[in-house]
Amino acid sequence: MPKDFKIGMFVGLVVVIGAALWLSIHPSLSTRARMFGRENAGAEQEQNEQPGFEPNWADSRSTEIDIESEKKQAKEIPTYHTVRDDETLSGISYQHYGTENKWQKILDANRDVIKDVKKLKLGTRLLIPE
């Protein structure tokens, strides 16, 4: 093989390994994190660090109250999820609970609908328990 080709292959390999290491060190930049909008998680912290910034604690208390009332309303209304192409129970669990480990909870609530855990039917409506 020509020497230039070997050098190019070596440089390409080094770049790929470097990119993989960098992405493994920075998990907030993963595809899943970007998909769920976590790339701007530090924006609030940057705002607090600006000179002259004073937090309005009254507003934060009213926000807490609003969040609590929204949680109560959400408990009254059941949450459903319609299965899309190539979705898994662990992926659905991640979307609704933030962890892939609660897929069993979804399965237990939908035993009558789910026949095969590994093959979810497209368009199936699943109840998402709290």
C-alpha atoms as a PDB file:
ATOM      1  CA  MET A   1       0.000   0.000   0.000  1.00  0.00           C
ATOM      2  CA  PRO A   2       1.185   3.533  -0.661  1.00  0.00           C
ATOM      3  CA  LYS A   3       2.658   5.406   2.284  1.00  0.00           C
ATOM      4  CA  ASP A   4       0.109   8.277   2.022  1.00  0.00           C
ATOM      5  CA  PHE A   5      -2.793   5.826   2.301  1.00  0.00           C
ATOM      6  CA  LYS A   6      -1.316   4.262   5.448  1.00  0.00           C
ATOM      7  CA  ILE A   7      -0.806   7.684   7.031  1.00  0.00           C
ATOM      8  CA  GLY A   8      -4.368   8.687   6.161  1.00  0.00           C
ATOM      9  CA  MET A   9      -5.784   5.516   7.690  1.00  0.00           C
ATOM     10  CA  PHE A  10      -3.745   6.034  10.873  1.00  0.00           C
ATOM     11  CA  VAL A  11      -4.845   9.678  11.215  1.00  0.00           C
ATOM     12  CA  GLY A  12      -8.477   8.696  10.624  1.00  0.00           C
ATOM     13  CA  LEU A  13      -8.272   5.991  13.286  1.00  0.00           C
ATOM     14  CA  VAL A  14      -6.774   8.443  15.796  1.00  0.00           C
ATOM     15  CA  VAL A  15      -9.571  10.964  15.086  1.00  0.00           C
ATOM     16  CA  VAL A  16     -12.300   8.332  15.551  1.00  0.00           C
ATOM     17  CA  ILE A  17     -10.779   7.075  18.817  1.00  0.00           C
ATOM     18  CA  GLY A  18     -10.412  10.650  20.071  1.00  0.00           C
ATOM     19  CA  ALA A  19     -14.047  11.462  19.232  1.00  0.00           C
ATOM     20  CA  ALA A  20     -15.273   8.289  20.946  1.00  0.00           C
ATOM     21  CA  LEU A  21     -13.285   9.086  24.099  1.00  0.00           C
ATOM     22  CA  TRP A  22     -14.518  12.664  24.136  1.00  0.00           C
ATOM     23  CA  LEU A  23     -18.167  11.599  23.775  1.00  0.00           C
ATOM     24  CA  SER A  24     -17.784   8.981  26.507  1.00  0.00           C
ATOM     25  CA  ILE A  25     -16.397  11.613  28.876  1.00  0.00           C
ATOM     26  CA  HIS A  26     -19.212  14.080  28.050  1.00  0.00           C
ATOM     27  CA  PRO A  27     -22.433  12.006  28.375  1.00  0.00           C
ATOM     28  CA  SER A  28     -24.610  15.128  28.314  1.00  0.00           C
ATOM     29  CA  LEU A  29     -23.802  15.354  24.628  1.00  0.00           C
ATOM     30  CA  SER A  30     -25.179  11.918  23.810  1.00  0.00           C
ATOM     31  CA  THR A  31     -27.951  11.478  21.266  1.00  0.00           C
ATOM     32  CA  ARG A  32     -30.444  10.547  23.965  1.00  0.00           C
ATOM     33  CA  ALA A  33     -29.631  13.669  26.020  1.00  0.00           C
ATOM     34  CA  ARG A  34     -30.002  15.936  22.985  1.00  0.00           C
ATOM     35  CA  MET A  35     -33.255  14.223  22.068  1.00  0.00           C
ATOM     36  CA  PHE A  36     -34.794  15.039  25.442  1.00  0.00           C
ATOM     37  CA  GLY A  37     -33.470  18.605  25.605  1.00  0.00           C
ATOM     38  CA  ARG A  38     -30.758  18.318  28.219  1.00  0.00           C
ATOM     39  CA  GLU A  39     -28.178  20.236  26.189  1.00  0.00           C
ATOM     40  CA  ASN A  40     -29.282  23.552  27.749  1.00  0.00           C
ATOM     41  CA  ALA A  41     -29.204  22.302  31.333  1.00  0.00           C
ATOM     42  CA  GLY A  42     -26.443  24.753  32.245  1.00  0.00           C
ATOM     43  CA  ALA A  43     -28.271  27.831  30.917  1.00  0.00           C
ATOM     44  CA  GLU A  44     -29.951  28.541  34.261  1.00  0.00           C
ATOM     45  CA  GLN A  45     -26.637  28.311  36.092  1.00  0.00           C
ATOM     46  CA  GLU A  46     -25.026  30.761  33.657  1.00  0.00           C
ATOM     47  CA  GLN A  47     -27.870  33.233  34.226  1.00  0.00           C
ATOM     48  CA  ASN A  48     -27.335  33.040  38.000  1.00  0.00           C
ATOM     49  CA  GLU A  49     -23.646  33.822  37.584  1.00  0.00           C
ATOM     50  CA  GLN A  50     -24.272  37.098  35.745  1.00  0.00           C
ATOM     51  CA  PRO A  51     -23.418  40.235  37.749  1.00  0.00           C
ATOM     52  CA  GLY A  52     -26.449  42.009  39.165  1.00  0.00           C
ATOM     53  CA  PHE A  53     -28.644  38.919  39.027  1.00  0.00           C
ATOM     54  CA  GLU A  54     -30.935  38.611  42.017  1.00  0.00           C
ATOM     55  CA  PRO A  55     -33.302  35.639  42.184  1.00  0.00           C
ATOM     56  CA  ASN A  56     -36.943  36.383  42.868  1.00  0.00           C
ATOM     57  CA  TRP A  57     -37.845  33.853  45.563  1.00  0.00           C
ATOM     58  CA  ALA A  58     -41.558  34.701  45.457  1.00  0.00           C
ATOM     59  CA  ASP A  59     -41.694  33.584  41.838  1.00  0.00           C
ATOM     60  CA  SER A  60     -39.944  30.302  42.621  1.00  0.00           C
ATOM     61  CA  ARG A  61     -42.463  29.524  45.403  1.00  0.00           C
ATOM     62  CA  SER A  62     -45.398  30.138  43.082  1.00  0.00           C
ATOM     63  CA  THR A  63     -43.732  27.859  40.525  1.00  0.00           C
ATOM     64  CA  GLU A  64     -43.448  25.120  43.154  1.00  0.00           C
ATOM     65  CA  ILE A  65     -47.152  25.441  43.923  1.00  0.00           C
ATOM     66  CA  ASP A  66     -47.995  25.304  40.219  1.00  0.00           C
ATOM     67  CA  ILE A  67     -45.875  22.177  39.783  1.00  0.00           C
ATOM     68  CA  GLU A  68     -47.582  20.479  42.730  1.00  0.00           C
ATOM     69  CA  SER A  69     -51.045  21.273  41.369  1.00  0.00           C
ATOM     70  CA  GLU A  70     -50.006  19.985  37.936  1.00  0.00           C
ATOM     71  CA  LYS A  71     -48.804  16.746  39.529  1.00  0.00           C
ATOM     72  CA  LYS A  72     -52.152  16.306  41.266  1.00  0.00           C
ATOM     73  CA  GLN A  73     -53.997  16.881  38.008  1.00  0.00           C
ATOM     74  CA  ALA A  74     -51.692  14.462  36.193  1.00  0.00           C
ATOM     75  CA  LYS A  75     -52.480  11.762  38.755  1.00  0.00           C
ATOM     76  CA  GLU A  76     -56.163  12.040  37.920  1.00  0.00           C
ATOM     77  CA  ILE A  77     -55.643  11.597  34.166  1.00  0.00           C
ATOM     78  CA  PRO A  78     -54.105   8.284  33.066  1.00  0.00           C
ATOM     79  CA  THR A  79     -51.127   8.505  30.738  1.00  0.00           C
ATOM     80  CA  TYR A  80     -51.074   6.441  27.553  1.00  0.00           C
ATOM     81  CA  HIS A  81     -48.367   5.786  24.996  1.00  0.00           C
ATOM     82  CA  THR A  82     -48.895   4.638  21.407  1.00  0.00           C
ATOM     83  CA  VAL A  83     -46.159   2.267  20.233  1.00  0.00           C
ATOM     84  CA  ARG A  84     -44.158   3.537  17.259  1.00  0.00           C
ATOM     85  CA  ASP A  85     -41.902   1.618  14.910  1.00  0.00           C
ATOM     86  CA  ASP A  86     -38.920  -0.133  16.584  1.00  0.00           C
ATOM     87  CA  GLU A  87     -39.837   0.924  20.137  1.00  0.00           C
ATOM     88  CA  THR A  88     -39.072  -1.238  23.153  1.00  0.00           C
ATOM     89  CA  LEU A  89     -40.497  -1.266  26.660  1.00  0.00           C
ATOM     90  CA  SER A  90     -37.199  -0.023  28.071  1.00  0.00           C
ATOM     91  CA  GLY A  91     -37.206   2.887  25.606  1.00  0.00           C
ATOM     92  CA  ILE A  92     -40.783   3.781  26.543  1.00  0.00           C
ATOM     93  CA  SER A  93     -39.797   3.522  30.203  1.00  0.00           C
ATOM     94  CA  TYR A  94     -36.943   5.968  29.598  1.00  0.00           C
ATOM     95  CA  GLN A  95     -39.299   8.436  27.892  1.00  0.00           C
ATOM     96  CA  HIS A  96     -41.825   8.455  30.725  1.00  0.00           C
ATOM     97  CA  TYR A  97     -39.753   7.720  33.851  1.00  0.00           C
ATOM     98  CA  GLY A  98     -36.248   8.828  32.900  1.00  0.00           C
ATOM     99  CA  THR A  99     -34.867   5.321  33.446  1.00  0.00           C
ATOM    100  CA  GLU A 100     -34.934   2.173  31.360  1.00  0.00           C
ATOM    101  CA  ASN A 101     -35.305  -0.037  34.440  1.00  0.00           C
ATOM    102  CA  LYS A 102     -39.061   0.456  34.961  1.00  0.00           C
ATOM    103  CA  TRP A 103     -40.153  -1.439  31.844  1.00  0.00           C
ATOM    104  CA  GLN A 104     -41.531  -4.233  34.052  1.00  0.00           C
ATOM    105  CA  LYS A 105     -43.980  -1.739  35.582  1.00  0.00           C
ATOM    106  CA  ILE A 106     -45.347  -0.933  32.113  1.00  0.00           C
ATOM    107  CA  LEU A 107     -45.529  -4.635  31.255  1.00  0.00           C
ATOM    108  CA  ASP A 108     -47.459  -5.458  34.440  1.00  0.00           C
ATOM    109  CA  ALA A 109     -50.020  -2.731  33.685  1.00  0.00           C
ATOM    110  CA  ASN A 110     -50.515  -3.975  30.101  1.00  0.00           C
ATOM    111  CA  ARG A 111     -50.411  -7.790  30.363  1.00  0.00           C
ATOM    112  CA  ASP A 112     -53.694  -8.068  28.456  1.00  0.00           C
ATOM    113  CA  VAL A 113     -52.360  -6.006  25.511  1.00  0.00           C
ATOM    114  CA  ILE A 114     -48.737  -7.193  25.273  1.00  0.00           C
ATOM    115  CA  LYS A 115     -48.426 -10.764  24.015  1.00  0.00           C
ATOM    116  CA  ASP A 116     -44.679 -10.842  23.288  1.00  0.00           C
ATOM    117  CA  VAL A 117     -42.332  -8.486  25.155  1.00  0.00           C
ATOM    118  CA  LYS A 118     -39.767  -8.481  22.353  1.00  0.00           C
ATOM    119  CA  LYS A 119     -42.298  -7.731  19.604  1.00  0.00           C
ATOM    120  CA  LEU A 120     -44.498  -4.744  20.389  1.00  0.00           C
ATOM    121  CA  LYS A 121     -47.180  -4.208  17.762  1.00  0.00           C
ATOM    122  CA  LEU A 122     -47.120  -0.885  15.963  1.00  0.00           C
ATOM    123  CA  GLY A 123     -49.985   1.372  17.119  1.00  0.00           C
ATOM    124  CA  THR A 124     -50.652  -0.493  20.387  1.00  0.00           C
ATOM    125  CA  ARG A 125     -51.896   1.880  23.093  1.00  0.00           C
ATOM    126  CA  LEU A 126     -50.176   1.230  26.405  1.00  0.00           C
ATOM    127  CA  LEU A 127     -51.207   2.505  29.825  1.00  0.00           C
ATOM    128  CA  ILE A 128     -48.283   4.153  31.625  1.00  0.00           C
ATOM    129  CA  PRO A 129     -48.720   3.646  35.379  1.00  0.00           C
ATOM    130  CA  GLU A 130     -47.459   6.208  37.892  1.00  0.00           C
END
